[in-house]
Amino acid sequence: MIGIISFPPPSMQHRFAIMANGRVAAIISVTFLTSISSLGLYTYISTILDNLKAPSRLHLIGGHGALGGVIGSFSVGYFIDRTAQPKMLMAGIIAIMALAMICIPFALSFPMRSFLPFIL
């Protein structure tokens, strides 16, 4: 049987000391702002769809958005590990998210493709 090694969790003082590192703080800040902007879209998506006179498919859109989030969360580590320029990778991810948000009004007129921006 293979044993599992467990370590005690770091103290709160150690956790805050890590935040003093500028690179760590920058990564957490960008991640936080990107997450807020993504979640902000889903907060107001019903209003956006109503204003666009799109048929309400919120349950499907939410599911596709969650699917995209899961795929992105599990795959981003692979790309970060293999990219020599993580800043460019992050810029590319943010650009894809912005493009997806811009494409929402245009994609809604194509029922089979309307979920693509939400997956992205």
C-alpha atoms as a PDB file:
ATOM      1  CA  MET A   1       0.000   0.000   0.000  1.00  0.00           C
ATOM      2  CA  ILE A   2       1.267   3.418  -0.900  1.00  0.00           C
ATOM      3  CA  GLY A   3       1.387   5.857   1.986  1.00  0.00           C
ATOM      4  CA  ILE A   4       0.161   9.406   1.731  1.00  0.00           C
ATOM      5  CA  ILE A   5       2.418  12.058   3.154  1.00  0.00           C
ATOM      6  CA  SER A   6       0.582  14.975   4.651  1.00  0.00           C
ATOM      7  CA  PHE A   7       2.036  18.215   5.828  1.00  0.00           C
ATOM      8  CA  PRO A   8       0.471  20.656   8.266  1.00  0.00           C
ATOM      9  CA  PRO A   9      -1.078  23.686   6.584  1.00  0.00           C
ATOM     10  CA  PRO A  10       1.047  26.834   6.576  1.00  0.00           C
ATOM     11  CA  SER A  11       0.351  29.412   9.254  1.00  0.00           C
ATOM     12  CA  MET A  12      -1.569  32.574   8.438  1.00  0.00           C
ATOM     13  CA  GLN A  13       1.623  34.577   8.972  1.00  0.00           C
ATOM     14  CA  HIS A  14       3.400  32.445   6.358  1.00  0.00           C
ATOM     15  CA  ARG A  15       0.483  32.809   3.934  1.00  0.00           C
ATOM     16  CA  PHE A  16       0.538  36.603   4.214  1.00  0.00           C
ATOM     17  CA  ALA A  17       4.338  36.625   3.883  1.00  0.00           C
ATOM     18  CA  ILE A  18       3.966  34.898   0.519  1.00  0.00           C
ATOM     19  CA  MET A  19       1.608  37.696  -0.568  1.00  0.00           C
ATOM     20  CA  ALA A  20       4.438  40.203   0.030  1.00  0.00           C
ATOM     21  CA  ASN A  21       6.226  38.763  -3.003  1.00  0.00           C
ATOM     22  CA  GLY A  22       5.443  41.139  -5.890  1.00  0.00           C
ATOM     23  CA  ARG A  23       5.125  38.390  -8.493  1.00  0.00           C
ATOM     24  CA  VAL A  24       2.689  36.414  -6.355  1.00  0.00           C
ATOM     25  CA  ALA A  25       0.633  39.538  -5.644  1.00  0.00           C
ATOM     26  CA  ALA A  26       0.532  40.406  -9.359  1.00  0.00           C
ATOM     27  CA  ILE A  27      -0.608  36.896 -10.324  1.00  0.00           C
ATOM     28  CA  ILE A  28      -3.303  36.876  -7.658  1.00  0.00           C
ATOM     29  CA  SER A  29      -4.474  40.366  -8.703  1.00  0.00           C
ATOM     30  CA  VAL A  30      -4.771  39.457 -12.385  1.00  0.00           C
ATOM     31  CA  THR A  31      -6.524  36.202 -11.521  1.00  0.00           C
ATOM     32  CA  PHE A  32      -8.919  38.018  -9.198  1.00  0.00           C
ATOM     33  CA  LEU A  33      -9.804  40.704 -11.760  1.00  0.00           C
ATOM     34  CA  THR A  34     -10.216  38.160 -14.562  1.00  0.00           C
ATOM     35  CA  SER A  35     -12.506  36.054 -12.382  1.00  0.00           C
ATOM     36  CA  ILE A  36     -14.604  39.062 -11.404  1.00  0.00           C
ATOM     37  CA  SER A  37     -15.032  40.126 -15.033  1.00  0.00           C
ATOM     38  CA  SER A  38     -16.015  36.622 -16.076  1.00  0.00           C
ATOM     39  CA  LEU A  39     -18.487  36.229 -13.212  1.00  0.00           C
ATOM     40  CA  GLY A  40     -19.803  39.732 -13.875  1.00  0.00           C
ATOM     41  CA  LEU A  41     -20.818  38.647 -17.342  1.00  0.00           C
ATOM     42  CA  TYR A  42     -22.884  35.787 -15.926  1.00  0.00           C
ATOM     43  CA  THR A  43     -24.461  38.093 -13.348  1.00  0.00           C
ATOM     44  CA  TYR A  44     -25.953  40.306 -16.036  1.00  0.00           C
ATOM     45  CA  ILE A  45     -26.377  37.797 -18.860  1.00  0.00           C
ATOM     46  CA  SER A  46     -30.171  37.619 -18.537  1.00  0.00           C
ATOM     47  CA  THR A  47     -30.393  41.408 -18.924  1.00  0.00           C
ATOM     48  CA  ILE A  48     -28.018  41.293 -21.887  1.00  0.00           C
ATOM     49  CA  LEU A  49     -30.056  38.556 -23.571  1.00  0.00           C
ATOM     50  CA  ASP A  50     -33.313  40.435 -22.939  1.00  0.00           C
ATOM     51  CA  ASN A  51     -31.856  43.594 -24.458  1.00  0.00           C
ATOM     52  CA  LEU A  52     -30.700  41.607 -27.490  1.00  0.00           C
ATOM     53  CA  LYS A  53     -34.194  40.099 -27.856  1.00  0.00           C
ATOM     54  CA  ALA A  54     -32.613  36.665 -27.683  1.00  0.00           C
ATOM     55  CA  PRO A  55     -34.624  33.650 -26.622  1.00  0.00           C
ATOM     56  CA  SER A  56     -33.965  32.798 -23.020  1.00  0.00           C
ATOM     57  CA  ARG A  57     -31.676  29.795 -22.744  1.00  0.00           C
ATOM     58  CA  LEU A  58     -30.050  30.725 -19.466  1.00  0.00           C
ATOM     59  CA  HIS A  59     -29.946  27.176 -18.140  1.00  0.00           C
ATOM     60  CA  LEU A  60     -28.041  26.017 -21.224  1.00  0.00           C
ATOM     61  CA  ILE A  61     -25.797  29.066 -21.290  1.00  0.00           C
ATOM     62  CA  GLY A  62     -24.915  28.607 -17.623  1.00  0.00           C
ATOM     63  CA  GLY A  63     -24.100  24.973 -18.223  1.00  0.00           C
ATOM     64  CA  HIS A  64     -21.899  25.749 -21.200  1.00  0.00           C
ATOM     65  CA  GLY A  65     -20.172  28.510 -19.247  1.00  0.00           C
ATOM     66  CA  ALA A  66     -19.470  26.071 -16.426  1.00  0.00           C
ATOM     67  CA  LEU A  67     -18.174  23.493 -18.908  1.00  0.00           C
ATOM     68  CA  GLY A  68     -15.798  26.082 -20.378  1.00  0.00           C
ATOM     69  CA  GLY A  69     -14.644  27.043 -16.898  1.00  0.00           C
ATOM     70  CA  VAL A  70     -13.888  23.450 -15.962  1.00  0.00           C
ATOM     71  CA  ILE A  71     -12.027  22.795 -19.214  1.00  0.00           C
ATOM     72  CA  GLY A  72     -10.054  26.013 -18.792  1.00  0.00           C
ATOM     73  CA  SER A  73      -9.211  25.318 -15.156  1.00  0.00           C
ATOM     74  CA  PHE A  74      -7.924  21.844 -15.894  1.00  0.00           C
ATOM     75  CA  SER A  75      -6.006  22.747 -19.056  1.00  0.00           C
ATOM     76  CA  VAL A  76      -4.389  26.067 -18.154  1.00  0.00           C
ATOM     77  CA  GLY A  77      -1.743  24.400 -15.981  1.00  0.00           C
ATOM     78  CA  TYR A  78      -0.560  22.355 -18.969  1.00  0.00           C
ATOM     79  CA  PHE A  79      -0.072  25.504 -21.039  1.00  0.00           C
ATOM     80  CA  ILE A  80       1.570  27.458 -18.217  1.00  0.00           C
ATOM     81  CA  ASP A  81       4.072  24.645 -17.646  1.00  0.00           C
ATOM     82  CA  ARG A  82       5.001  24.511 -21.327  1.00  0.00           C
ATOM     83  CA  THR A  83       5.063  28.225 -22.087  1.00  0.00           C
ATOM     84  CA  ALA A  84       8.231  30.200 -21.713  1.00  0.00           C
ATOM     85  CA  GLN A  85       6.191  33.411 -21.524  1.00  0.00           C
ATOM     86  CA  PRO A  86       3.299  33.088 -19.067  1.00  0.00           C
ATOM     87  CA  LYS A  87       2.526  36.822 -19.428  1.00  0.00           C
ATOM     88  CA  MET A  88       1.818  36.304 -23.122  1.00  0.00           C
ATOM     89  CA  LEU A  89      -0.335  33.289 -22.299  1.00  0.00           C
ATOM     90  CA  MET A  90      -2.374  35.326 -19.819  1.00  0.00           C
ATOM     91  CA  ALA A  91      -2.726  38.160 -22.346  1.00  0.00           C
ATOM     92  CA  GLY A  92      -3.949  35.621 -24.890  1.00  0.00           C
ATOM     93  CA  ILE A  93      -6.490  34.177 -22.465  1.00  0.00           C
ATOM     94  CA  ILE A  94      -7.825  37.632 -21.628  1.00  0.00           C
ATOM     95  CA  ALA A  95      -7.997  38.492 -25.348  1.00  0.00           C
ATOM     96  CA  ILE A  96      -9.969  35.291 -26.044  1.00  0.00           C
ATOM     97  CA  MET A  97     -12.362  36.114 -23.194  1.00  0.00           C
ATOM     98  CA  ALA A  98     -12.846  39.662 -24.503  1.00  0.00           C
ATOM     99  CA  LEU A  99     -13.448  38.378 -28.033  1.00  0.00           C
ATOM    100  CA  ALA A 100     -15.948  35.832 -26.714  1.00  0.00           C
ATOM    101  CA  MET A 101     -17.854  38.561 -24.854  1.00  0.00           C
ATOM    102  CA  ILE A 102     -17.874  40.788 -27.952  1.00  0.00           C
ATOM    103  CA  CYS A 103     -19.160  37.898 -30.094  1.00  0.00           C
ATOM    104  CA  ILE A 104     -22.167  37.140 -27.884  1.00  0.00           C
ATOM    105  CA  PRO A 105     -24.640  39.396 -29.779  1.00  0.00           C
ATOM    106  CA  PHE A 106     -23.519  38.009 -33.152  1.00  0.00           C
ATOM    107  CA  ALA A 107     -23.470  34.369 -32.081  1.00  0.00           C
ATOM    108  CA  LEU A 108     -27.022  34.454 -30.701  1.00  0.00           C
ATOM    109  CA  SER A 109     -28.479  34.597 -34.204  1.00  0.00           C
ATOM    110  CA  PHE A 110     -26.996  31.143 -34.899  1.00  0.00           C
ATOM    111  CA  PRO A 111     -28.647  28.695 -32.463  1.00  0.00           C
ATOM    112  CA  MET A 112     -26.071  25.917 -32.832  1.00  0.00           C
ATOM    113  CA  ARG A 113     -23.147  28.316 -32.398  1.00  0.00           C
ATOM    114  CA  SER A 114     -24.660  30.587 -29.767  1.00  0.00           C
ATOM    115  CA  PHE A 115     -23.046  28.648 -26.934  1.00  0.00           C
ATOM    116  CA  LEU A 116     -19.466  28.927 -28.243  1.00  0.00           C
ATOM    117  CA  PRO A 117     -18.707  32.315 -26.612  1.00  0.00           C
ATOM    118  CA  PHE A 118     -19.867  30.958 -23.274  1.00  0.00           C
ATOM    119  CA  ILE A 119     -17.681  27.859 -23.556  1.00  0.00           C
ATOM    120  CA  LEU A 120     -14.703  30.060 -24.417  1.00  0.00           C
END
